[in-house]
PDB file of N, CA and C in Angstrom:
ATOM      1  N   MET A   1     -94.678-194.317 -27.913  1.00  0.00           N
ATOM      2  CA  MET A   1     -94.470-194.798 -26.089  1.00  0.00           C
ATOM      3  C   MET A   1     -93.048-195.618 -26.262  1.00  0.00           C
ATOM      4  N   THR A   2     -93.252-195.969 -27.310  1.00  0.00           N
ATOM      5  CA  THR A   2     -91.038-196.861 -26.652  1.00  0.00           C
ATOM      6  C   THR A   2     -90.698-195.664 -26.413  1.00  0.00           C
ATOM      7  N   ARG A   3     -90.971-194.181 -27.488  1.00  0.00           N
ATOM      8  CA  ARG A   3     -89.925-193.292 -27.218  1.00  0.00           C
ATOM      9  C   ARG A   3     -89.788-193.104 -25.220  1.00  0.00           C
ATOM     10  N   ALA A   4     -91.086-192.627 -25.570  1.00  0.00           N
ATOM     11  CA  ALA A   4     -91.104-192.350 -24.146  1.00  0.00           C
ATOM     12  C   ALA A   4     -91.017-193.424 -22.648  1.00  0.00           C
ATOM     13  N   PHE A   5     -91.340-193.977 -23.007  1.00  0.00           N
ATOM     14  CA  PHE A   5     -90.280-195.254 -22.061  1.00  0.00           C
ATOM     15  C   PHE A   5     -88.884-194.851 -21.946  1.00  0.00           C
ATOM     16  N   LEU A   6     -88.340-195.233 -22.793  1.00  0.00           N
ATOM     17  CA  LEU A   6     -86.599-194.865 -22.432  1.00  0.00           C
ATOM     18  C   LEU A   6     -86.673-193.669 -22.432  1.00  0.00           C
ATOM     19  N   LEU A   7     -87.036-192.126 -22.393  1.00  0.00           N
ATOM     20  CA  LEU A   7     -85.960-191.199 -21.847  1.00  0.00           C
ATOM     21  C   LEU A   7     -86.617-191.346 -20.334  1.00  0.00           C
ATOM     22  N   THR A   8     -88.452-192.562 -19.732  1.00  0.00           N
ATOM     23  CA  THR A   8     -87.657-192.373 -18.408  1.00  0.00           C
ATOM     24  C   THR A   8     -86.128-193.166 -17.786  1.00  0.00           C
ATOM     25  N   ASN A   9     -85.894-193.667 -18.407  1.00  0.00           N
ATOM     26  CA  ASN A   9     -84.178-194.235 -17.501  1.00  0.00           C
ATOM     27  C   ASN A   9     -83.124-193.633 -18.272  1.00  0.00           C
ATOM     28  N   LEU A  10     -83.488-192.003 -18.733  1.00  0.00           N
ATOM     29  CA  LEU A  10     -81.996-190.726 -18.863  1.00  0.00           C
ATOM     30  C   LEU A  10     -81.987-190.654 -17.864  1.00  0.00           C
ATOM     31  N   LYS A  11     -80.553-190.223 -17.780  1.00  0.00           N
ATOM     32  CA  LYS A  11     -79.987-189.698 -15.591  1.00  0.00           C
ATOM     33  C   LYS A  11     -79.522-188.069 -16.115  1.00  0.00           C
ATOM     34  N   ALA A  12     -79.841-187.838 -15.460  1.00  0.00           N
ATOM     35  CA  ALA A  12     -78.947-185.553 -15.944  1.00  0.00           C
ATOM     36  C   ALA A  12     -76.827-186.603 -14.915  1.00  0.00           C
ATOM     37  N   SER A  13     -76.063-185.777 -15.592  1.00  0.00           N
ATOM     38  CA  SER A  13     -74.699-185.395 -15.348  1.00  0.00           C
ATOM     39  C   SER A  13     -74.509-184.919 -13.990  1.00  0.00           C
ATOM     40  N   HIS A  14     -73.326-185.550 -12.919  1.00  0.00           N
ATOM     41  CA  HIS A  14     -73.400-184.335 -11.966  1.00  0.00           C
ATOM     42  C   HIS A  14     -72.361-182.947 -12.929  1.00  0.00           C
ATOM     43  N   SER A  15     -72.349-183.051 -14.349  1.00  0.00           N
ATOM     44  CA  SER A  15     -72.239-181.676 -14.093  1.00  0.00           C
ATOM     45  C   SER A  15     -72.987-181.242 -15.891  1.00  0.00           C
ATOM     46  N   ALA A  16     -73.786-179.722 -15.468  1.00  0.00           N
ATOM     47  CA  ALA A  16     -74.637-179.343 -16.499  1.00  0.00           C
ATOM     48  C   ALA A  16     -73.729-179.462 -17.833  1.00  0.00           C
ATOM     49  N   HIS A  17     -72.771-179.497 -18.406  1.00  0.00           N
ATOM     50  CA  HIS A  17     -72.046-179.669 -19.553  1.00  0.00           C
ATOM     51  C   HIS A  17     -71.531-181.361 -19.740  1.00  0.00           C
ATOM     52  N   GLU A  18     -72.001-181.957 -19.542  1.00  0.00           N
ATOM     53  CA  GLU A  18     -72.423-183.182 -19.734  1.00  0.00           C
ATOM     54  C   GLU A  18     -73.751-184.013 -19.702  1.00  0.00           C
ATOM     55  N   PRO A  19     -73.161-184.500 -21.687  1.00  0.00           N
ATOM     56  CA  PRO A  19     -74.390-185.153 -21.701  1.00  0.00           C
ATOM     57  C   PRO A  19     -75.179-186.360 -20.609  1.00  0.00           C
ATOM     58  N   LEU A  20     -76.822-186.761 -20.888  1.00  0.00           N
ATOM     59  CA  LEU A  20     -77.664-187.045 -20.404  1.00  0.00           C
ATOM     60  C   LEU A  20     -77.084-188.467 -21.024  1.00  0.00           C
ATOM     61  N   GLN A  21     -77.237-189.726 -19.575  1.00  0.00           N
ATOM     62  CA  GLN A  21     -76.542-190.770 -19.908  1.00  0.00           C
ATOM     63  C   GLN A  21     -77.970-191.575 -19.672  1.00  0.00           C
ATOM     64  N   PHE A  22     -77.442-193.125 -19.805  1.00  0.00           N
ATOM     65  CA  PHE A  22     -78.965-193.864 -19.477  1.00  0.00           C
ATOM     66  C   PHE A  22     -78.678-195.179 -17.927  1.00  0.00           C
ATOM     67  N   GLN A  23     -79.817-195.264 -17.334  1.00  0.00           N
ATOM     68  CA  GLN A  23     -79.433-195.606 -16.433  1.00  0.00           C
ATOM     69  C   GLN A  23     -79.627-197.321 -16.624  1.00  0.00           C
ATOM     70  N   ILE A  24     -79.769-197.904 -17.167  1.00  0.00           N
ATOM     71  CA  ILE A  24     -80.265-198.852 -17.635  1.00  0.00           C
ATOM     72  C   ILE A  24     -78.565-199.618 -19.037  1.00  0.00           C
ATOM     73  N   PRO A  25     -78.298-199.973 -18.454  1.00  0.00           N
ATOM     74  CA  PRO A  25     -76.822-200.654 -19.064  1.00  0.00           C
ATOM     75  C   PRO A  25     -77.016-201.352 -20.571  1.00  0.00           C
ATOM     76  N   LEU A  26     -76.813-199.380 -21.791  1.00  0.00           N
ATOM     77  CA  LEU A  26     -77.697-200.097 -23.021  1.00  0.00           C
ATOM     78  C   LEU A  26     -76.848-200.864 -23.821  1.00  0.00           C
ATOM     79  N   ASP A  27     -74.848-201.277 -23.321  1.00  0.00           N
ATOM     80  CA  ASP A  27     -74.264-202.569 -24.516  1.00  0.00           C
ATOM     81  C   ASP A  27     -74.277-204.295 -23.418  1.00  0.00           C
ATOM     82  N   ILE A  28     -74.442-203.411 -22.327  1.00  0.00           N
ATOM     83  CA  ILE A  28     -75.522-205.452 -21.944  1.00  0.00           C
ATOM     84  C   ILE A  28     -76.326-205.851 -22.778  1.00  0.00           C
ATOM     85  N   ILE A  29     -77.623-204.822 -22.632  1.00  0.00           N
ATOM     86  CA  ILE A  29     -78.876-206.070 -23.400  1.00  0.00           C
ATOM     87  C   ILE A  29     -78.209-205.502 -24.734  1.00  0.00           C
ATOM     88  N   GLY A  30     -78.059-204.723 -25.456  1.00  0.00           N
ATOM     89  CA  GLY A  30     -77.721-204.675 -27.149  1.00  0.00           C
ATOM     90  C   GLY A  30     -76.264-206.205 -27.149  1.00  0.00           C
ATOM     91  N   ARG A  31     -75.852-206.984 -26.032  1.00  0.00           N
ATOM     92  CA  ARG A  31     -75.050-207.800 -26.787  1.00  0.00           C
ATOM     93  C   ARG A  31     -75.336-209.046 -26.168  1.00  0.00           C
ATOM     94  N   ASN A  32     -76.997-208.922 -26.048  1.00  0.00           N
ATOM     95  CA  ASN A  32     -78.004-209.782 -25.249  1.00  0.00           C
ATOM     96  C   ASN A  32     -79.486-210.050 -25.859  1.00  0.00           C
ATOM     97  N   ILE A  33     -79.428-209.086 -26.378  1.00  0.00           N
ATOM     98  CA  ILE A  33     -80.375-208.638 -26.802  1.00  0.00           C
ATOM     99  C   ILE A  33     -81.357-209.701 -27.700  1.00  0.00           C
ATOM    100  N   SER A  34     -81.030-210.786 -28.063  1.00  0.00           N
ATOM    101  CA  SER A  34     -81.114-212.364 -28.780  1.00  0.00           C
ATOM    102  C   SER A  34     -81.620-213.336 -27.895  1.00  0.00           C
ATOM    103  N   GLU A  35     -80.990-212.854 -26.698  1.00  0.00           N
ATOM    104  CA  GLU A  35     -81.272-213.755 -25.921  1.00  0.00           C
ATOM    105  C   GLU A  35     -82.734-213.541 -24.249  1.00  0.00           C
ATOM    106  N   MET A  36     -82.722-212.070 -24.447  1.00  0.00           N
ATOM    107  CA  MET A  36     -84.231-212.166 -23.871  1.00  0.00           C
ATOM    108  C   MET A  36     -84.273-212.051 -24.403  1.00  0.00           C
ATOM    109  N   GLY A  37     -85.483-212.711 -25.073  1.00  0.00           N
ATOM    110  CA  GLY A  37     -86.906-213.767 -25.467  1.00  0.00           C
ATOM    111  C   GLY A  37     -87.142-214.876 -24.700  1.00  0.00           C
ATOM    112  N   LEU A  38     -85.788-215.073 -24.738  1.00  0.00           N
ATOM    113  CA  LEU A  38     -85.629-217.056 -24.430  1.00  0.00           C
ATOM    114  C   LEU A  38     -86.219-217.279 -22.796  1.00  0.00           C
ATOM    115  N   PHE A  39     -87.007-218.109 -22.552  1.00  0.00           N
ATOM    116  CA  PHE A  39     -86.984-218.253 -21.253  1.00  0.00           C
ATOM    117  C   PHE A  39     -87.263-220.384 -21.220  1.00  0.00           C
ATOM    118  N   PRO A  40     -85.536-220.505 -20.534  1.00  0.00           N
ATOM    119  CA  PRO A  40     -85.421-221.381 -20.934  1.00  0.00           C
ATOM    120  C   PRO A  40     -85.809-222.742 -19.363  1.00  0.00           C
ATOM    121  N   TYR A  41     -86.773-222.249 -18.964  1.00  0.00           N
ATOM    122  CA  TYR A  41     -87.062-223.208 -17.853  1.00  0.00           C
ATOM    123  C   TYR A  41     -88.719-223.442 -18.448  1.00  0.00           C
ATOM    124  N   GLU A  42     -89.526-224.806 -18.197  1.00  0.00           N
ATOM    125  CA  GLU A  42     -90.827-225.628 -17.801  1.00  0.00           C
ATOM    126  C   GLU A  42     -91.218-225.212 -16.630  1.00  0.00           C
ATOM    127  N   PRO A  43     -92.571-225.092 -17.466  1.00  0.00           N
ATOM    128  CA  PRO A  43     -93.135-224.821 -15.538  1.00  0.00           C
ATOM    129  C   PRO A  43     -93.391-225.418 -14.711  1.00  0.00           C
ATOM    130  N   GLY A  44     -92.873-225.235 -13.175  1.00  0.00           N
ATOM    131  CA  GLY A  44     -92.730-226.316 -11.623  1.00  0.00           C
ATOM    132  C   GLY A  44     -90.965-226.275 -11.953  1.00  0.00           C
ATOM    133  N   GLU A  45     -90.129-226.126 -13.209  1.00  0.00           N
ATOM    134  CA  GLU A  45     -88.812-226.322 -12.698  1.00  0.00           C
ATOM    135  C   GLU A  45     -88.141-225.050 -12.015  1.00  0.00           C
ATOM    136  N   ARG A  46     -88.724-224.512 -11.874  1.00  0.00           N
ATOM    137  CA  ARG A  46     -88.294-223.157 -10.634  1.00  0.00           C
ATOM    138  C   ARG A  46     -89.342-222.698 -10.101  1.00  0.00           C
ATOM    139  N   ILE A  47     -89.379-222.301  -9.196  1.00  0.00           N
ATOM    140  CA  ILE A  47     -90.779-221.490  -8.706  1.00  0.00           C
ATOM    141  C   ILE A  47     -90.926-220.206  -7.670  1.00  0.00           C
ATOM    142  N   TRP A  48     -90.734-219.347  -7.929  1.00  0.00           N
ATOM    143  CA  TRP A  48     -90.577-218.001  -6.608  1.00  0.00           C
ATOM    144  C   TRP A  48     -91.863-217.997  -5.757  1.00  0.00           C
ATOM    145  N   ASN A  49     -91.747-217.619  -4.537  1.00  0.00           N
ATOM    146  CA  ASN A  49     -92.921-218.250  -3.676  1.00  0.00           C
ATOM    147  C   ASN A  49     -92.935-216.347  -3.318  1.00  0.00           C
ATOM    148  N   GLY A  50     -91.915-216.056  -3.841  1.00  0.00           N
ATOM    149  CA  GLY A  50     -92.005-214.417  -2.975  1.00  0.00           C
ATOM    150  C   GLY A  50     -93.330-213.670  -3.602  1.00  0.00           C
ATOM    151  N   PRO A  51     -93.385-212.457  -2.936  1.00  0.00           N
ATOM    152  CA  PRO A  51     -94.612-211.530  -3.556  1.00  0.00           C
ATOM    153  C   PRO A  51     -94.257-210.770  -4.830  1.00  0.00           C
ATOM    154  N   THR A  52     -95.006-211.522  -5.804  1.00  0.00           N
ATOM    155  CA  THR A  52     -94.631-210.478  -7.382  1.00  0.00           C
ATOM    156  C   THR A  52     -95.664-210.346  -7.633  1.00  0.00           C
ATOM    157  N   LEU A  53     -95.588-208.717  -8.898  1.00  0.00           N
ATOM    158  CA  LEU A  53     -97.079-208.493  -9.560  1.00  0.00           C
ATOM    159  C   LEU A  53     -96.223-208.245 -10.513  1.00  0.00           C
ATOM    160  N   PHE A  54     -97.275-208.191 -11.422  1.00  0.00           N
ATOM    161  CA  PHE A  54     -97.275-208.100 -12.499  1.00  0.00           C
ATOM    162  C   PHE A  54     -98.520-206.773 -13.331  1.00  0.00           C
ATOM    163  N   ILE A  55     -97.886-206.015 -14.236  1.00  0.00           N
ATOM    164  CA  ILE A  55     -99.027-205.158 -14.560  1.00  0.00           C
ATOM    165  C   ILE A  55     -98.916-205.330 -16.112  1.00  0.00           C
ATOM    166  N   LYS A  56    -100.330-205.385 -16.265  1.00  0.00           N
ATOM    167  CA  LYS A  56    -101.122-205.692 -17.294  1.00  0.00           C
ATOM    168  C   LYS A  56    -102.118-204.519 -18.337  1.00  0.00           C
ATOM    169  N   GLY A  57    -101.378-203.985 -19.189  1.00  0.00           N
ATOM    170  CA  GLY A  57    -102.204-203.318 -20.458  1.00  0.00           C
ATOM    171  C   GLY A  57    -104.068-203.666 -20.286  1.00  0.00           C
ATOM    172  N   MET A  58    -104.155-203.027 -20.198  1.00  0.00           N
ATOM    173  CA  MET A  58    -106.645-204.342 -21.181  1.00  0.00           C
ATOM    174  C   MET A  58    -105.772-204.005 -22.762  1.00  0.00           C
ATOM    175  N   LYS A  59    -105.497-203.659 -23.240  1.00  0.00           N
ATOM    176  CA  LYS A  59    -105.394-203.597 -24.615  1.00  0.00           C
ATOM    177  C   LYS A  59    -104.143-204.164 -24.698  1.00  0.00           C
ATOM    178  N   SER A  60    -103.400-204.590 -24.196  1.00  0.00           N
ATOM    179  CA  SER A  60    -102.247-205.117 -24.355  1.00  0.00           C
ATOM    180  C   SER A  60    -102.579-206.801 -24.124  1.00  0.00           C
ATOM    181  N   LYS A  61    -102.089-208.157 -25.961  1.00  0.00           N
ATOM    182  CA  LYS A  61    -101.846-208.948 -25.479  1.00  0.00           C
ATOM    183  C   LYS A  61    -101.472-210.085 -24.857  1.00  0.00           C
ATOM    184  N   TYR A  62     -99.958-209.212 -24.680  1.00  0.00           N
ATOM    185  CA  TYR A  62     -98.622-209.724 -24.019  1.00  0.00           C
ATOM    186  C   TYR A  62     -99.651-210.544 -22.496  1.00  0.00           C
ATOM    187  N   ILE A  63     -99.825-209.981 -21.626  1.00  0.00           N
ATOM    188  CA  ILE A  63    -100.173-210.808 -20.800  1.00  0.00           C
ATOM    189  C   ILE A  63    -101.940-211.232 -20.776  1.00  0.00           C
ATOM    190  N   ASN A  64    -101.932-212.212 -20.827  1.00  0.00           N
ATOM    191  CA  ASN A  64    -103.469-213.289 -21.579  1.00  0.00           C
ATOM    192  C   ASN A  64    -104.336-214.153 -21.024  1.00  0.00           C
ATOM    193  N   LYS A  65    -105.529-214.712 -21.135  1.00  0.00           N
ATOM    194  CA  LYS A  65    -105.532-215.526 -20.656  1.00  0.00           C
ATOM    195  C   LYS A  65    -104.977-216.520 -20.821  1.00  0.00           C
ATOM    196  N   HIS A  66    -103.954-216.957 -21.132  1.00  0.00           N
ATOM    197  CA  HIS A  66    -102.868-218.072 -22.200  1.00  0.00           C
ATOM    198  C   HIS A  66    -101.834-218.671 -21.336  1.00  0.00           C
ATOM    199  N   ASN A  67    -101.164-217.354 -20.872  1.00  0.00           N
ATOM    200  CA  ASN A  67    -100.558-216.869 -20.293  1.00  0.00           C
ATOM    201  C   ASN A  67    -100.054-216.773 -18.396  1.00  0.00           C
ATOM    202  N   VAL A  68    -101.759-216.532 -18.043  1.00  0.00           N
ATOM    203  CA  VAL A  68    -101.231-216.143 -16.490  1.00  0.00           C
ATOM    204  C   VAL A  68    -101.954-217.538 -16.139  1.00  0.00           C
ATOM    205  N   PRO A  69    -101.823-218.541 -16.702  1.00  0.00           N
ATOM    206  CA  PRO A  69    -102.156-219.804 -15.266  1.00  0.00           C
ATOM    207  C   PRO A  69    -100.795-219.968 -15.271  1.00  0.00           C
ATOM    208  N   ILE A  70    -100.001-220.435 -16.638  1.00  0.00           N
ATOM    209  CA  ILE A  70     -98.308-220.631 -17.124  1.00  0.00           C
ATOM    210  C   ILE A  70     -97.460-220.600 -16.116  1.00  0.00           C
ATOM    211  N   ALA A  71     -97.261-218.503 -15.815  1.00  0.00           N
ATOM    212  CA  ALA A  71     -96.822-217.709 -14.776  1.00  0.00           C
ATOM    213  C   ALA A  71     -97.445-217.516 -13.326  1.00  0.00           C
ATOM    214  N   ARG A  72     -98.787-218.469 -12.889  1.00  0.00           N
ATOM    215  CA  ARG A  72     -98.416-218.199 -11.526  1.00  0.00           C
ATOM    216  C   ARG A  72     -98.318-219.740 -11.230  1.00  0.00           C
ATOM    217  N   GLU A  73     -97.259-220.669 -12.056  1.00  0.00           N
ATOM    218  CA  GLU A  73     -96.823-221.877 -12.509  1.00  0.00           C
ATOM    219  C   GLU A  73     -95.353-221.368 -11.520  1.00  0.00           C
ATOM    220  N   PHE A  74     -95.128-220.443 -11.284  1.00  0.00           N
ATOM    221  CA  PHE A  74     -93.368-219.694 -11.867  1.00  0.00           C
ATOM    222  C   PHE A  74     -93.732-219.128 -10.276  1.00  0.00           C
ATOM    223  N   PHE A  75     -94.912-218.140 -10.198  1.00  0.00           N
ATOM    224  CA  PHE A  75     -94.579-216.639  -9.222  1.00  0.00           C
ATOM    225  C   PHE A  75     -96.008-217.291  -8.038  1.00  0.00           C
ATOM    226  N   PRO A  76     -96.625-218.226  -7.836  1.00  0.00           N
ATOM    227  CA  PRO A  76     -97.697-218.843  -7.095  1.00  0.00           C
ATOM    228  C   PRO A  76     -98.426-217.317  -6.996  1.00  0.00           C
ATOM    229  N   GLN A  77     -97.365-216.776  -5.948  1.00  0.00           N
ATOM    230  CA  GLN A  77     -97.796-215.234  -5.345  1.00  0.00           C
ATOM    231  C   GLN A  77     -98.017-214.021  -6.041  1.00  0.00           C
ATOM    232  N   MET A  78     -98.524-214.581  -7.368  1.00  0.00           N
ATOM    233  CA  MET A  78     -98.288-213.092  -7.576  1.00  0.00           C
ATOM    234  C   MET A  78     -99.821-212.406  -8.020  1.00  0.00           C
ATOM    235  N   THR A  79     -99.593-211.827  -8.396  1.00  0.00           N
ATOM    236  CA  THR A  79    -101.047-210.169  -7.905  1.00  0.00           C
ATOM    237  C   THR A  79    -101.159-209.933  -9.325  1.00  0.00           C
ATOM    238  N   LEU A  80    -101.751-209.967 -10.377  1.00  0.00           N
ATOM    239  CA  LEU A  80    -102.356-209.051 -11.393  1.00  0.00           C
ATOM    240  C   LEU A  80    -102.780-207.617 -11.561  1.00  0.00           C
ATOM    241  N   GLU A  81    -102.234-206.662 -11.512  1.00  0.00           N
ATOM    242  CA  GLU A  81    -103.470-205.109 -11.736  1.00  0.00           C
ATOM    243  C   GLU A  81    -103.051-205.274 -13.555  1.00  0.00           C
ATOM    244  N   GLN A  82    -104.907-204.382 -13.325  1.00  0.00           N
ATOM    245  CA  GLN A  82    -104.689-203.983 -14.329  1.00  0.00           C
ATOM    246  C   GLN A  82    -104.319-202.135 -14.645  1.00  0.00           C
ATOM    247  N   LEU A  83    -104.720-201.315 -15.461  1.00  0.00           N
ATOM    248  CA  LEU A  83    -104.494-200.668 -16.065  1.00  0.00           C
ATOM    249  C   LEU A  83    -104.489-200.382 -17.767  1.00  0.00           C
ATOM    250  N   ASP A  84    -105.708-199.170 -17.818  1.00  0.00           N
ATOM    251  CA  ASP A  84    -106.486-199.150 -18.806  1.00  0.00           C
ATOM    252  C   ASP A  84    -105.119-197.932 -19.962  1.00  0.00           C
ATOM    253  N   THR A  85    -104.196-198.850 -20.419  1.00  0.00           N
ATOM    254  CA  THR A  85    -103.405-199.034 -21.331  1.00  0.00           C
ATOM    255  C   THR A  85    -102.925-200.004 -22.598  1.00  0.00           C
ATOM    256  N   GLY A  86    -101.998-200.099 -23.698  1.00  0.00           N
ATOM    257  CA  GLY A  86    -101.859-200.473 -24.441  1.00  0.00           C
ATOM    258  C   GLY A  86    -100.333-200.838 -23.832  1.00  0.00           C
ATOM    259  N   HIS A  87     -99.520-201.733 -24.679  1.00  0.00           N
ATOM    260  CA  HIS A  87     -98.292-202.042 -23.745  1.00  0.00           C
ATOM    261  C   HIS A  87     -97.336-201.679 -23.356  1.00  0.00           C
ATOM    262  N   TRP A  88     -97.076-200.310 -23.293  1.00  0.00           N
ATOM    263  CA  TRP A  88     -95.885-199.491 -22.169  1.00  0.00           C
ATOM    264  C   TRP A  88     -96.755-198.784 -21.201  1.00  0.00           C
ATOM    265  N   VAL A  89     -97.821-199.793 -20.858  1.00  0.00           N
ATOM    266  CA  VAL A  89     -97.228-199.271 -19.452  1.00  0.00           C
ATOM    267  C   VAL A  89     -97.219-198.569 -18.789  1.00  0.00           C
ATOM    268  N   HIS A  90     -95.766-197.967 -18.126  1.00  0.00           N
ATOM    269  CA  HIS A  90     -94.982-197.096 -17.887  1.00  0.00           C
ATOM    270  C   HIS A  90     -94.867-196.207 -19.124  1.00  0.00           C
ATOM    271  N   ALA A  91     -95.260-195.884 -19.947  1.00  0.00           N
ATOM    272  CA  ALA A  91     -95.310-194.715 -20.684  1.00  0.00           C
ATOM    273  C   ALA A  91     -96.273-194.123 -20.241  1.00  0.00           C
ATOM    274  N   GLU A  92     -97.576-195.143 -20.987  1.00  0.00           N
ATOM    275  CA  GLU A  92     -99.305-194.142 -20.685  1.00  0.00           C
ATOM    276  C   GLU A  92     -99.358-193.546 -19.337  1.00  0.00           C
ATOM    277  N   LYS A  93     -99.165-194.553 -18.694  1.00  0.00           N
ATOM    278  CA  LYS A  93     -99.496-193.395 -17.274  1.00  0.00           C
ATOM    279  C   LYS A  93     -98.911-193.681 -16.171  1.00  0.00           C
TER     280      LYS A  93
END
């Protein structure tokens, strides 16, 4: 599933003789991967009042009954949609 997800981020170059390239900045992600899992804000400290879509795989435990209320504190207009997948929703459906 990880491989399938990463392959969705490949783009063709202008020439058939040039290699495929990732659309996402792998160099930036690589330098900052340790920071990506951190979230430095407390509930109520920052709020986005615009519409926000959360997509949850029903077989995944990453979005769950414990953290949805916290997510609503940051994103009060959030909508939670669920698909019959695991964590890698992008690659599975």
